[in-house]
C-alpha cells in the first residue's frame, strides 16, 4: 500500500450543512432556525435546567445535608516509579527537589507518596503523607521516609482552644 491508495472509510467524512446560501438550497433565509424567538438568535439557547414558567427545582426543594468540599485536603501525588526515574541513589527527596525536577506543580501545599511502581534506590524521602505500600517499599530499598505531622484545621482549632483554656487557668492561678 502506498500513500495515494489510502482512503477514508465510507461515511467517515460528513459534509457540514451549508445554511444561508439562497432559498433554493432549502436552508436559506432563516437558515433552519425558524422565525424569531431566543433560539433563532446567536447564543440563544436556554440552560438545560430551565423549566418554563414553573418554579425551578433548586428553589422547590429545601437545602439538605452539608458539604466538606471547601475543607478537603488536596494532595499533589507522586509515585515510587517517578522517584526511581528522577533521583540518584542517596538523594534527599523533598518538596523543592520534586519541584526542580517538574514532578509536582506546587499548586497544593501537601505532597503524598503513593506506592505505584518499584523503587530500588536508597532515598531519604520527606513528604506530608504516604501510603503503607510506599513506606514499605522505601524502607525495603534501604531508604528512610519522614512524614511531617498533619496540620489539619480541626487539630489546629483544638490546640488553639486548649491553649486559650490553659492561659485562662494560668491567669486565674496567678490572682
Protein backbone atom coordinates (compact mmCIF):
# COMPACT_ATOMS: atom_id res chain seq x y z
CA UNK A 1 0.00 0.00 0.00
CA UNK A 2 1.27 3.47 -0.87
CA UNK A 3 0.12 6.92 0.22
CA UNK A 4 -2.09 7.56 -2.81
CA UNK A 5 -4.03 4.35 -2.10
CA UNK A 6 -5.14 5.40 1.41
CA UNK A 7 -8.79 6.44 1.53
CA UNK A 8 -11.24 7.33 4.26
CA UNK A 9 -13.81 4.79 5.37
CA UNK A 10 -17.25 5.30 3.86
CA UNK A 11 -19.19 7.84 5.92
CA UNK A 12 -16.14 8.98 7.89
CA UNK A 13 -16.21 12.47 6.39
CA UNK A 14 -19.65 14.07 6.52
CA UNK A 15 -20.00 17.41 4.78
CA UNK A 16 -21.29 20.19 7.04
CA UNK A 17 -24.77 21.61 6.39
CA UNK A 18 -24.41 24.84 4.35
CA UNK A 19 -27.01 27.34 5.52
CA UNK A 20 -27.83 30.84 4.30
CA UNK A 21 -26.89 30.14 0.67
CA UNK A 22 -30.13 31.07 -1.09
CA UNK A 23 -33.72 29.90 -0.77
CA UNK A 24 -33.29 27.28 -3.49
CA UNK A 25 -30.95 25.36 -1.21
CA UNK A 26 -33.76 24.72 1.27
CA UNK A 27 -31.63 26.22 4.05
CA UNK A 28 -31.78 29.89 3.07
CA UNK A 29 -33.46 32.91 4.71
CA UNK A 30 -33.89 31.72 8.33
CA UNK A 31 -31.12 29.10 7.98
CA UNK A 32 -33.18 26.29 9.60
CA UNK A 33 -33.66 28.35 12.79
CA UNK A 34 -37.33 29.24 12.34
CA UNK A 35 -38.84 32.69 12.91
CA UNK A 36 -37.93 34.87 15.91
CA UNK A 37 -37.55 33.59 19.46
CA UNK A 38 -34.43 33.12 21.54
CA UNK A 39 -33.30 30.03 19.64
CA UNK A 40 -33.10 31.96 16.38
CA UNK A 41 -30.64 34.43 17.92
CA UNK A 42 -26.90 33.99 18.20
CA UNK A 43 -26.03 32.31 21.50
CA UNK A 44 -29.72 31.78 22.15
CA UNK A 45 -30.06 28.51 23.99
CA UNK A 46 -31.89 28.17 27.29
CA UNK A 47 -29.99 26.37 30.04
CA UNK A 48 -30.76 22.69 30.49
CA UNK A 49 -32.18 23.26 34.00
CA UNK A 50 -34.73 25.84 32.83
CA UNK A 51 -38.38 24.92 33.43
CA UNK A 52 -40.52 27.44 31.57
CA UNK A 53 -42.95 29.27 33.85
CA UNK A 54 -42.62 26.80 36.74
CA UNK A 55 -40.66 27.21 39.97
CA UNK A 56 -37.17 25.81 39.41
CA UNK A 57 -36.34 22.55 41.16
CA UNK A 58 -33.47 24.11 43.10
CA UNK A 59 -35.98 26.52 44.69
CA UNK A 60 -38.71 23.92 45.11
CA UNK A 61 -36.70 21.59 47.36
CA UNK A 62 -35.04 22.51 50.66
CA UNK A 63 -31.30 22.52 51.24
CA UNK A 64 -30.19 19.27 52.83
CA UNK A 65 -27.01 17.90 54.28
CA UNK A 66 -23.64 19.55 54.08
CA UNK A 67 -20.50 19.50 52.02
CA UNK A 68 -16.92 19.35 53.21
CA UNK A 69 -15.67 20.35 49.76
CA UNK A 70 -14.14 23.63 50.96
CA UNK A 71 -12.27 21.85 53.75
CA UNK A 72 -10.84 18.96 51.76
CA UNK A 73 -7.13 18.15 51.66
CA UNK A 74 -5.88 18.05 48.08
CA UNK A 75 -2.53 16.31 47.78
CA UNK A 76 -0.02 16.55 44.99
CA UNK A 77 0.66 12.87 44.41
CA UNK A 78 3.87 11.21 43.31
CA UNK A 79 4.59 7.53 42.68
CA UNK A 80 7.62 5.41 43.51
CA UNK A 81 8.30 4.96 39.78
CA UNK A 82 8.66 8.77 39.46
CA UNK A 83 11.29 8.80 42.22
CA UNK A 84 13.12 5.88 40.61
CA UNK A 85 13.39 7.74 37.30
CA UNK A 86 14.25 11.19 38.66
CA UNK A 87 16.64 10.66 41.60
CA UNK A 88 20.05 9.04 42.07
CA UNK A 89 20.77 6.70 45.00
CA UNK A 90 21.36 8.55 48.28
CA UNK A 91 19.43 11.66 47.23
CA UNK A 92 17.16 13.63 49.54
CA UNK A 93 13.65 13.86 48.12
CA UNK A 94 11.69 16.84 49.44
CA UNK A 95 9.26 19.43 48.07
CA UNK A 96 11.90 21.75 46.48
CA UNK A 97 13.68 18.78 44.85
CA UNK A 98 10.40 17.49 43.41
CA UNK A 99 9.53 20.94 42.03
CA UNK A 100 13.01 21.35 40.48
CA UNK A 101 12.54 18.11 38.54
CA UNK A 102 8.98 19.03 37.49
CA UNK A 103 7.37 16.11 39.32
CA UNK A 104 4.94 18.39 41.18
CA UNK A 105 3.44 21.71 40.14
CA UNK A 106 3.45 23.36 43.55
CA UNK A 107 -0.27 24.17 43.46
CA UNK A 108 -1.01 22.30 46.69
CA UNK A 109 0.85 22.73 49.98
CA UNK A 110 0.92 18.98 50.73
CA UNK A 111 2.64 16.10 48.89
CA UNK A 112 1.62 12.44 49.16
CA UNK A 113 3.76 9.46 48.15
CA UNK A 114 1.89 6.57 46.53
CA UNK A 115 3.13 3.01 46.05
CA UNK A 116 2.86 2.85 42.25
CA UNK A 117 5.84 1.22 40.57
CA UNK A 118 9.04 -0.14 42.10
CA UNK A 119 11.90 1.50 43.98
CA UNK A 120 15.40 0.02 44.09
CA UNK A 121 17.42 3.08 45.19
CA UNK A 122 18.19 4.18 48.73
CA UNK A 123 16.49 7.56 49.14
CA UNK A 124 15.65 9.89 52.02
CA UNK A 125 12.06 10.94 51.34
CA UNK A 126 10.39 13.86 53.15
CA UNK A 127 6.67 14.18 52.36
CA UNK A 128 3.43 15.19 54.08
CA UNK A 129 1.68 11.82 53.67
CA UNK A 130 2.43 8.34 52.35
CA UNK A 131 0.60 5.07 51.81
CA UNK A 132 1.63 1.94 53.69
CA UNK A 133 2.87 0.27 50.49
CA UNK A 134 5.03 3.30 49.67
CA UNK A 135 6.50 3.32 53.18
CA UNK A 136 7.31 -0.40 52.98
CA UNK A 137 8.93 -0.04 49.54
CA UNK A 138 11.16 2.88 50.61
CA UNK A 139 12.31 1.04 53.74
CA UNK A 140 12.85 -2.21 51.80
CA UNK A 141 15.16 -0.35 49.40
CA UNK A 142 17.20 0.79 52.42
CA UNK A 143 15.95 4.37 52.45
CA UNK A 144 14.07 6.36 55.05
CA UNK A 145 10.68 8.05 54.94
CA UNK A 146 9.91 11.13 57.04
CA UNK A 147 6.25 12.10 57.15
CA UNK A 148 5.58 15.58 58.53
CA UNK A 149 2.85 15.80 61.19
CA UNK A 150 -0.64 16.69 59.95
CA UNK A 151 -1.70 20.30 60.19
CA UNK A 152 -5.42 19.87 59.64
CA UNK A 153 -7.78 22.67 60.61
CA UNK A 154 -9.59 20.61 63.28
CA UNK A 155 -6.35 19.85 65.14
CA UNK A 156 -5.24 23.48 64.92
CA UNK A 157 -8.61 24.69 66.25
CA UNK A 158 -8.45 22.21 69.14
CA UNK A 159 -4.91 23.29 70.03
CA UNK A 160 -5.98 26.93 69.94
CA UNK A 161 -8.96 26.22 72.23
CA UNK A 162 -6.79 24.28 74.66
CA UNK A 163 -4.12 26.99 74.75
CA UNK A 164 -6.79 29.62 75.49
CA UNK A 165 -8.16 27.47 78.33
CA UNK A 166 -4.64 26.96 79.67
CA UNK A 167 -3.93 30.70 79.54
CA UNK A 168 -7.16 31.48 81.43
CA UNK A 169 -6.32 28.86 84.07
CA UNK A 170 -2.79 30.29 84.49
CA UNK A 171 -4.17 33.83 84.85
CA UNK A 172 -6.68 32.64 87.45
CA UNK A 173 -3.91 30.83 89.36
CA UNK A 174 -1.77 33.99 89.49
CA UNK A 175 -4.56 36.01 91.17
